[in-house]
Protein backbone atom coordinates (compact mmCIF):
# COMPACT_ATOMS: atom_id res chain seq x y z
CA MET A 1 -143.53 -87.41 -102.43
CA PRO A 2 -145.57 -85.32 -105.18
CA LEU A 3 -147.49 -82.41 -103.93
CA PRO A 4 -149.21 -79.70 -105.53
CA SER A 5 -147.19 -76.81 -106.68
CA VAL A 6 -147.46 -73.67 -104.59
CA PRO A 7 -145.58 -70.82 -106.23
CA LEU A 8 -142.84 -69.30 -104.31
CA LEU A 9 -142.77 -66.04 -105.97
CA GLU A 10 -146.05 -64.89 -106.77
CA PRO A 11 -146.76 -62.42 -109.76
CA ALA A 12 -147.15 -58.82 -108.41
CA GLU A 13 -150.50 -57.09 -108.95
CA SER A 14 -150.73 -54.28 -111.40
CA SER A 15 -151.03 -51.68 -108.62
CA MET A 16 -147.61 -53.00 -107.30
CA GLU A 17 -145.73 -52.76 -110.22
CA PRO A 18 -142.39 -50.91 -109.68
CA GLU A 19 -141.78 -47.90 -111.61
CA SER A 20 -138.48 -47.57 -113.24
CA SER A 21 -136.88 -46.23 -116.44
CA THR A 22 -134.79 -49.30 -116.85
CA PRO A 23 -135.94 -51.19 -119.74
CA PRO A 24 -137.51 -54.45 -118.67
CA SER A 25 -135.85 -56.39 -121.53
CA SER A 26 -132.34 -55.62 -120.18
CA VAL A 27 -130.49 -57.65 -117.83
CA TRP A 28 -130.61 -55.19 -115.08
CA GLY A 29 -134.36 -54.61 -115.73
CA GLN A 30 -134.99 -58.30 -115.35
CA ILE A 31 -132.79 -58.45 -111.98
CA PHE A 32 -134.74 -55.47 -110.81
CA GLU A 33 -138.05 -56.99 -111.76
CA PHE A 34 -137.13 -60.30 -110.07
CA THR A 35 -135.93 -58.46 -106.92
CA ALA A 36 -139.16 -56.40 -106.61
CA LYS A 37 -141.08 -59.63 -106.96
CA ALA A 38 -139.10 -61.49 -104.33
CA ARG A 39 -139.34 -58.57 -101.95
CA ASP A 40 -143.19 -58.41 -102.59
CA ALA A 41 -143.42 -62.17 -101.95
CA TYR A 42 -141.43 -62.04 -98.66
CA LYS A 43 -144.04 -59.27 -97.52
CA ARG A 44 -147.02 -61.55 -98.32
CA ARG A 45 -145.80 -64.48 -96.27
CA PRO A 46 -145.76 -64.64 -92.54
CA ILE A 47 -142.14 -64.96 -90.90
CA PRO A 48 -142.98 -68.65 -89.83
CA TYR A 49 -143.76 -69.59 -93.61
CA TRP A 50 -140.08 -68.42 -94.31
CA ILE A 51 -138.44 -70.10 -91.21
CA LEU A 52 -140.03 -73.43 -92.19
CA LEU A 53 -138.97 -73.02 -96.01
CA ILE A 54 -135.51 -72.29 -94.94
CA LEU A 55 -135.49 -75.28 -92.53
CA GLY A 56 -136.84 -77.66 -95.34
CA ILE A 57 -134.01 -76.43 -97.96
CA VAL A 58 -131.31 -76.83 -95.10
CA ALA A 59 -132.57 -80.39 -94.44
CA MET A 60 -132.58 -81.43 -98.15
CA LEU A 61 -129.07 -80.11 -98.84
CA VAL A 62 -127.67 -81.22 -95.46
CA ALA A 63 -129.38 -84.30 -94.40
CA PHE A 64 -129.65 -86.21 -97.75
CA PRO A 65 -126.11 -85.92 -98.51
CA ALA A 66 -125.23 -86.81 -94.71
CA SER A 67 -127.10 -89.89 -95.06
CA SER A 68 -125.33 -91.04 -98.22
CA ILE A 69 -122.00 -90.34 -96.36
CA LEU A 70 -122.83 -92.37 -93.44
CA SER A 71 -123.91 -95.40 -95.46
CA ARG A 72 -120.26 -95.38 -97.12
CA VAL A 73 -118.70 -94.73 -93.59
CA TYR A 74 -120.54 -97.83 -92.27
CA TYR A 75 -118.88 -99.85 -95.02
CA ASP A 76 -115.40 -98.20 -94.87
CA ASN A 77 -115.04 -98.93 -91.28
CA GLY A 78 -116.03 -102.63 -91.37
CA GLY A 79 -119.89 -102.96 -91.84
CA GLN A 80 -120.96 -105.68 -94.28
CA SER A 81 -124.60 -105.87 -93.87
CA LYS A 82 -126.78 -104.70 -96.82
CA TRP A 83 -130.03 -105.27 -94.60
CA ILE A 84 -128.76 -103.10 -91.78
CA ILE A 85 -128.37 -100.13 -94.12
CA SER A 86 -131.65 -100.52 -95.86
CA TRP A 87 -133.29 -101.12 -92.46
CA VAL A 88 -131.78 -97.83 -91.19
CA SER A 89 -133.16 -95.66 -94.34
CA VAL A 90 -136.75 -96.60 -92.81
CA ALA A 91 -136.06 -96.97 -89.01
CA GLY A 92 -136.49 -93.23 -88.33
CA TRP A 93 -140.11 -93.45 -89.66
CA PRO A 94 -141.52 -92.37 -86.08
CA LEU A 95 -139.96 -89.02 -86.72
CA THR A 96 -142.68 -88.21 -89.39
CA ALA A 97 -145.40 -89.67 -87.35
CA LEU A 98 -144.22 -87.28 -84.49
CA ILE A 99 -144.90 -84.31 -86.68
CA LEU A 100 -148.25 -85.87 -88.21
CA PHE A 101 -150.21 -86.71 -85.00
CA PRO A 102 -149.94 -83.34 -83.42
CA THR A 103 -150.94 -81.68 -86.90
CA TYR A 104 -154.35 -83.30 -86.38
CA PHE A 105 -155.12 -81.61 -83.32
CA LEU A 106 -153.62 -78.17 -84.42
CA GLN A 107 -155.54 -78.07 -87.46
CA ARG A 108 -158.51 -79.94 -86.14
CA ILE A 109 -158.89 -82.30 -88.97
CA SER A 110 -159.58 -86.00 -89.08
CA PRO A 111 -157.08 -88.54 -90.65
CA THR A 112 -157.85 -89.78 -94.13
CA PRO A 113 -160.17 -92.57 -94.13
CA LEU A 114 -158.22 -95.94 -94.70
CA SER A 115 -159.91 -98.07 -97.31
CA LEU A 116 -159.23 -101.57 -98.39
CA LYS A 117 -157.65 -100.18 -101.65
CA LEU A 118 -155.55 -97.46 -100.12
CA ALA A 119 -154.45 -99.90 -97.44
CA LEU A 120 -153.38 -102.22 -100.05
CA SER A 121 -151.62 -99.52 -101.98
CA TYR A 122 -149.52 -98.57 -99.03
CA ILE A 123 -148.34 -102.06 -98.23
CA PHE A 124 -147.35 -102.56 -101.86
CA LEU A 125 -145.58 -99.15 -102.13
CA GLY A 126 -143.96 -100.31 -98.69
CA PHE A 127 -142.71 -103.53 -100.37
CA LEU A 128 -141.37 -101.56 -103.28
CA SER A 129 -139.76 -99.03 -100.97
CA ALA A 130 -137.91 -101.95 -98.99
CA ALA A 131 -136.59 -103.36 -102.08
CA ASP A 132 -135.49 -99.95 -103.36
CA ASN A 133 -133.52 -99.32 -100.12
CA LEU A 134 -131.83 -102.97 -100.25
CA MET A 135 -130.82 -102.05 -103.87
CA TYR A 136 -129.23 -98.75 -102.96
CA ALA A 137 -127.64 -100.45 -99.84
CA TYR A 138 -125.75 -102.75 -102.19
CA ALA A 139 -124.69 -99.87 -104.58
CA TYR A 140 -122.98 -97.88 -101.60
CA ALA A 141 -121.31 -101.34 -100.56
CA TYR A 142 -119.54 -101.55 -104.01
CA LEU A 143 -119.13 -97.95 -105.30
CA PRO A 144 -117.67 -94.95 -104.01
CA ALA A 145 -120.44 -92.47 -102.53
CA SER A 146 -119.73 -89.67 -105.01
CA THR A 147 -120.27 -92.12 -107.89
CA ALA A 148 -123.22 -93.92 -106.15
CA SER A 149 -125.05 -90.25 -105.74
CA LEU A 150 -124.44 -89.59 -109.62
CA VAL A 151 -125.73 -92.86 -110.70
CA ALA A 152 -128.76 -92.51 -108.28
CA SER A 153 -129.43 -89.10 -110.21
CA SER A 154 -130.93 -91.30 -112.98
CA SER A 155 -134.09 -91.77 -110.90
CA LEU A 156 -135.04 -88.30 -112.32
CA VAL A 157 -135.10 -90.10 -115.88
CA PHE A 158 -137.33 -92.78 -114.50
CA SER A 159 -139.66 -90.66 -112.52
CA ALA A 160 -140.20 -88.60 -116.00
CA LEU A 161 -140.91 -91.81 -117.91
CA PHE A 162 -143.06 -93.44 -115.65
CA GLY A 163 -144.89 -90.30 -114.89
CA TYR A 164 -145.60 -90.12 -118.48
CA LEU A 165 -146.56 -93.69 -118.68
CA LEU A 166 -148.76 -94.09 -115.49
CA VAL A 167 -150.13 -90.56 -114.59
CA LYS A 168 -150.04 -88.88 -118.03
CA ASN A 169 -147.67 -86.27 -116.80
CA GLN A 170 -146.44 -84.09 -119.77
CA ILE A 171 -142.96 -84.64 -121.58
CA ASN A 172 -141.44 -81.73 -123.37
CA ALA A 173 -138.31 -81.31 -125.54
CA SER A 174 -136.26 -79.90 -122.32
CA ILE A 175 -137.24 -83.10 -120.27
CA ILE A 176 -136.27 -85.34 -123.26
CA ASN A 177 -133.09 -83.57 -123.50
CA SER A 178 -132.42 -84.09 -119.73
CA ILE A 179 -133.04 -87.67 -120.19
CA VAL A 180 -130.52 -88.03 -123.00
CA VAL A 181 -127.91 -85.81 -121.07
CA ILE A 182 -128.12 -87.70 -117.84
CA THR A 183 -127.77 -91.12 -119.63
CA ALA A 184 -124.78 -89.79 -121.31
CA GLY A 185 -123.40 -88.78 -117.81
CA LEU A 186 -124.08 -92.41 -116.71
CA THR A 187 -122.24 -93.89 -119.66
CA ILE A 188 -119.30 -91.84 -118.95
CA ILE A 189 -119.03 -93.11 -115.41
CA ALA A 190 -119.20 -96.56 -116.56
CA LEU A 191 -116.36 -96.00 -119.19
CA ASP A 192 -114.48 -95.02 -116.17
CA SER A 193 -114.80 -97.92 -114.02
CA SER A 194 -111.26 -98.62 -113.83
CA SER A 195 -110.09 -95.47 -111.81
CA ASP A 196 -113.26 -95.37 -109.72
CA ARG A 197 -113.18 -97.84 -107.09
CA TYR A 198 -112.02 -98.80 -103.48
CA PRO A 199 -109.21 -101.24 -102.94
CA GLY A 200 -110.55 -104.80 -102.48
CA ILE A 201 -113.77 -104.12 -104.87
CA SER A 202 -113.48 -106.74 -107.79
CA ASP A 203 -114.71 -105.92 -111.23
CA SER A 204 -117.97 -107.99 -110.59
CA GLN A 205 -118.74 -106.14 -107.49
CA TYR A 206 -118.24 -102.92 -109.12
CA ILE A 207 -120.31 -103.85 -112.16
CA MET A 208 -123.14 -105.25 -109.74
CA GLY A 209 -123.06 -101.95 -107.58
CA TYR A 210 -123.60 -99.98 -110.71
CA VAL A 211 -126.36 -102.35 -111.80
CA TRP A 212 -128.12 -102.29 -108.59
CA ASP A 213 -127.79 -98.57 -108.44
CA ILE A 214 -129.60 -98.18 -111.69
CA LEU A 215 -132.38 -100.82 -110.94
CA GLY A 216 -132.81 -98.69 -107.54
CA SER A 217 -133.06 -95.72 -109.39
CA ALA A 218 -135.54 -97.04 -111.85
CA LEU A 219 -137.56 -98.66 -108.83
CA HIS A 220 -137.43 -95.24 -107.01
CA GLY A 221 -138.82 -93.47 -110.17
CA LEU A 222 -141.76 -96.10 -110.23
CA ILE A 223 -142.64 -95.41 -106.67
CA PHE A 224 -142.93 -91.79 -107.31
CA ALA A 225 -145.17 -92.42 -110.08
CA LEU A 226 -147.38 -94.75 -108.24
CA SER A 227 -147.49 -92.44 -105.18
CA GLU A 228 -148.95 -89.73 -107.39
CA LEU A 229 -151.27 -92.25 -108.81
CA VAL A 230 -152.54 -92.98 -105.44
CA PHE A 231 -153.27 -89.26 -104.64
CA VAL A 232 -155.08 -89.00 -108.04
CA LYS A 233 -157.03 -92.34 -108.12
CA LEU A 234 -157.66 -93.22 -104.32
CA VAL A 235 -157.29 -90.16 -102.02
CA GLY A 236 -158.66 -87.50 -104.55
CA ARG A 237 -156.67 -84.44 -103.05
CA ARG A 238 -153.19 -83.60 -102.29
CA SER A 239 -152.07 -81.71 -99.05
CA PHE A 240 -149.38 -81.60 -96.55
CA ILE A 241 -151.33 -83.64 -94.06
CA VAL A 242 -152.13 -86.46 -96.85
CA VAL A 243 -148.48 -86.56 -97.97
CA LEU A 244 -147.33 -86.97 -94.45
CA GLU A 245 -150.08 -89.67 -93.89
CA GLN A 246 -148.54 -91.64 -96.89
CA GLN A 247 -144.87 -91.28 -96.01
CA VAL A 248 -145.74 -92.54 -92.31
CA MET A 249 -147.83 -95.57 -93.66
CA VAL A 250 -145.30 -96.39 -96.49
CA SER A 251 -142.29 -96.06 -94.36
CA LEU A 252 -144.13 -98.16 -91.62
CA PHE A 253 -144.77 -101.05 -94.06
CA ALA A 254 -141.10 -100.76 -95.48
CA PHE A 255 -139.78 -101.10 -91.92
CA ALA A 256 -141.90 -104.16 -91.33
CA PHE A 257 -140.62 -105.63 -94.60
CA THR A 258 -137.12 -104.96 -94.03
CA THR A 259 -137.22 -105.96 -90.26
CA VAL A 260 -138.35 -109.37 -91.37
CA GLY A 261 -135.54 -109.53 -93.97
CA ILE A 262 -132.92 -108.52 -91.20
CA LEU A 263 -134.36 -111.18 -88.83
CA LEU A 264 -134.37 -113.91 -91.50
CA SER A 265 -130.84 -113.15 -92.66
CA ARG A 266 -129.66 -112.95 -88.92
CA ASP A 267 -128.06 -109.72 -89.62
CA PHE A 268 -129.82 -108.28 -86.68
CA GLN A 269 -128.21 -110.67 -84.50
CA GLY A 270 -124.78 -109.84 -85.73
CA MET A 271 -124.91 -106.14 -85.18
CA ALA A 272 -123.25 -106.82 -81.71
CA SER A 273 -120.28 -108.50 -83.71
CA GLU A 274 -120.17 -105.70 -86.09
CA ALA A 275 -120.06 -103.12 -83.37
CA ASN A 276 -117.35 -104.84 -81.61
CA ASN A 277 -115.25 -105.10 -84.79
CA PHE A 278 -116.19 -101.39 -85.95
CA LYS A 279 -112.92 -99.43 -86.68
CA GLY A 280 -114.22 -96.49 -84.47
CA GLY A 281 -115.47 -98.78 -81.83
CA ARG A 282 -118.95 -99.84 -80.41
CA ALA A 283 -120.21 -96.11 -79.77
CA ALA A 284 -119.06 -94.95 -83.14
CA TYR A 285 -120.91 -97.80 -84.79
CA TYR A 286 -124.12 -97.07 -83.06
CA LEU A 287 -123.73 -93.49 -83.80
CA VAL A 288 -123.55 -94.02 -87.43
CA ILE A 289 -126.87 -96.16 -87.32
CA ILE A 290 -128.71 -93.79 -85.35
CA TRP A 291 -127.63 -90.69 -87.16
CA GLY A 292 -128.16 -92.38 -90.55
CA ALA A 293 -131.60 -92.97 -89.66
CA ILE A 294 -132.30 -89.55 -88.43
CA THR A 295 -130.56 -87.68 -91.36
CA PHE A 296 -132.57 -89.81 -93.93
CA GLN A 297 -136.14 -88.92 -92.38
CA LEU A 298 -134.98 -85.28 -91.87
CA GLY A 299 -134.26 -85.20 -95.56
CA VAL A 300 -137.68 -86.73 -96.46
CA LEU A 301 -139.47 -84.21 -94.22
CA GLY A 302 -137.50 -81.20 -95.96
CA ALA A 303 -138.23 -82.55 -99.39
CA THR A 304 -141.91 -82.61 -98.54
CA ALA A 305 -141.97 -79.03 -96.77
CA VAL A 306 -140.03 -77.49 -99.70
CA VAL A 307 -142.37 -78.90 -102.15
CA PHE A 308 -145.55 -77.87 -100.42
CA LEU A 309 -144.57 -74.64 -99.39
CA ALA A 310 -142.80 -73.54 -102.48
CA SER A 311 -142.89 -75.54 -105.51
CA THR A 312 -141.90 -78.83 -107.35
CA VAL A 313 -139.27 -76.65 -109.45
CA LEU A 314 -137.50 -75.46 -106.23
CA ALA A 315 -137.41 -79.11 -104.93
CA GLY A 316 -135.87 -79.99 -108.44
CA VAL A 317 -133.36 -77.25 -108.06
CA LEU A 318 -132.10 -78.66 -104.64
CA ASN A 319 -132.13 -82.10 -105.85
CA ALA A 320 -129.59 -80.90 -108.65
CA VAL A 321 -127.57 -78.90 -105.95
CA ARG A 322 -127.23 -81.89 -103.44
CA THR A 323 -125.81 -84.20 -106.20
CA PRO A 324 -122.54 -82.25 -106.42
CA ILE A 325 -122.73 -81.61 -102.63
CA THR A 326 -122.69 -85.31 -101.85
CA SER A 327 -119.85 -85.90 -104.58
CA ILE A 328 -117.79 -83.04 -103.14
CA ALA A 329 -118.29 -84.00 -99.56
CA ALA A 330 -117.34 -87.80 -100.30
CA VAL A 331 -114.09 -86.53 -102.05
CA ILE A 332 -113.25 -84.34 -98.94
CA LEU A 333 -114.39 -86.50 -96.09
CA LEU A 334 -114.01 -90.22 -97.47
CA HIS A 335 -111.19 -89.28 -100.11
CA ASP A 336 -113.27 -90.74 -103.01
CA PRO A 337 -111.37 -90.92 -106.40
CA MET A 338 -112.38 -87.94 -108.45
CA SER A 339 -110.94 -88.34 -111.91
CA GLY A 340 -111.54 -85.94 -114.86
CA PHE A 341 -114.28 -88.43 -116.30
CA LYS A 342 -116.16 -88.17 -113.21
CA ILE A 343 -115.87 -84.33 -113.21
CA LEU A 344 -117.25 -84.43 -116.66
CA SER A 345 -120.02 -86.48 -115.86
CA LEU A 346 -120.83 -84.35 -112.64
CA LEU A 347 -121.08 -81.30 -115.01
CA ILE A 348 -123.17 -83.12 -117.50
CA THR A 349 -125.53 -84.40 -114.72
CA VAL A 350 -126.04 -81.04 -113.45
CA TRP A 351 -126.76 -79.73 -116.91
CA GLY A 352 -129.40 -82.57 -117.39
CA PHE A 353 -130.92 -81.46 -113.97
CA GLY A 354 -131.26 -77.89 -115.24
CA SER A 355 -132.83 -78.99 -118.54
CA PHE A 356 -135.29 -81.08 -116.54
CA ILE A 357 -136.11 -78.01 -114.02
CA TYR A 358 -136.70 -75.82 -117.17
CA GLY A 359 -138.88 -78.17 -118.76
CA SER A 360 -141.02 -78.91 -115.63
CA SER A 361 -141.36 -75.07 -114.91
CA MET A 362 -142.57 -74.66 -118.50
CA GLY A 363 -145.19 -77.57 -117.91
CA GLU A 364 -146.28 -75.73 -114.59
CA LYS A 365 -146.86 -72.41 -116.47
CA SER A 366 -148.50 -74.22 -119.33
CA SER A 367 -150.88 -75.94 -116.76
């Protein structure tokens, strides 16, 4: 969820400037200056700050890829239900609540007043989130995990576009370049569909997985923009507490909508049958479900902590890093096909992320 940017490396005061004969314009001069600023930033922050930031970074780089891998493990070993995977994505919402409620007492603050408009916005965002999770569940059912994660990176494009249209966020040349580059990476994956699928997946299923992944990414970008709009129009402020509140409420309503769907589709009643037929056995089945819920929520909490403690730019960097981590982990653990086209698409996507991060950082500096 969008949060105010808090610079990780604060500019040093004039009295703290390091004395050096190395020209500041040289490469070594820039490295020395960056090191000095990093050391100064480390001294200004308490140890608990760095512990929390490191935990947030680890959560983003480990929990999100693990959640994606577990979704594919579910389907690889006999799981069939898209509703169950979408339900798992929000079933861990109490973890966020367990962090939120004690924070009220520790900081001695009251919860944000829940007006009718704010409640309706949470319900609407919860419905969109439930639909988004269902779309991604279809994508992971038909696409390799490495491919699904690459296609899902297009959510960055839609976040930029919807942010510009709804919240009036700035779009500069670097962000436009990232949109073009990431779109090119998606096109390359689409052209390589013949060598990038699991046995038993038909042409129509692969195409539908690709389409659902794109639609889920578009809806994901819309949810980000609408969440920021809620902060601007209804809440009027953004803080760690407020973002946790929104995360809890939206996840709660998404959980409620998804639970209705899983009950109406009778997939919940079919979990016992799926567990019995799961390749690894009942214990393995429920471990995949439980850890899928835990890892996804840990990733969300990690992202929230990184954006609040550091900046949106650092969160963008970590998002760029976790895409190849997911792809490489899928190749190693799930033996995903990795053709030359997919490697090229991965490199292009990382380039697009870098361009977006640079454009975002320029926007933050100008503002």
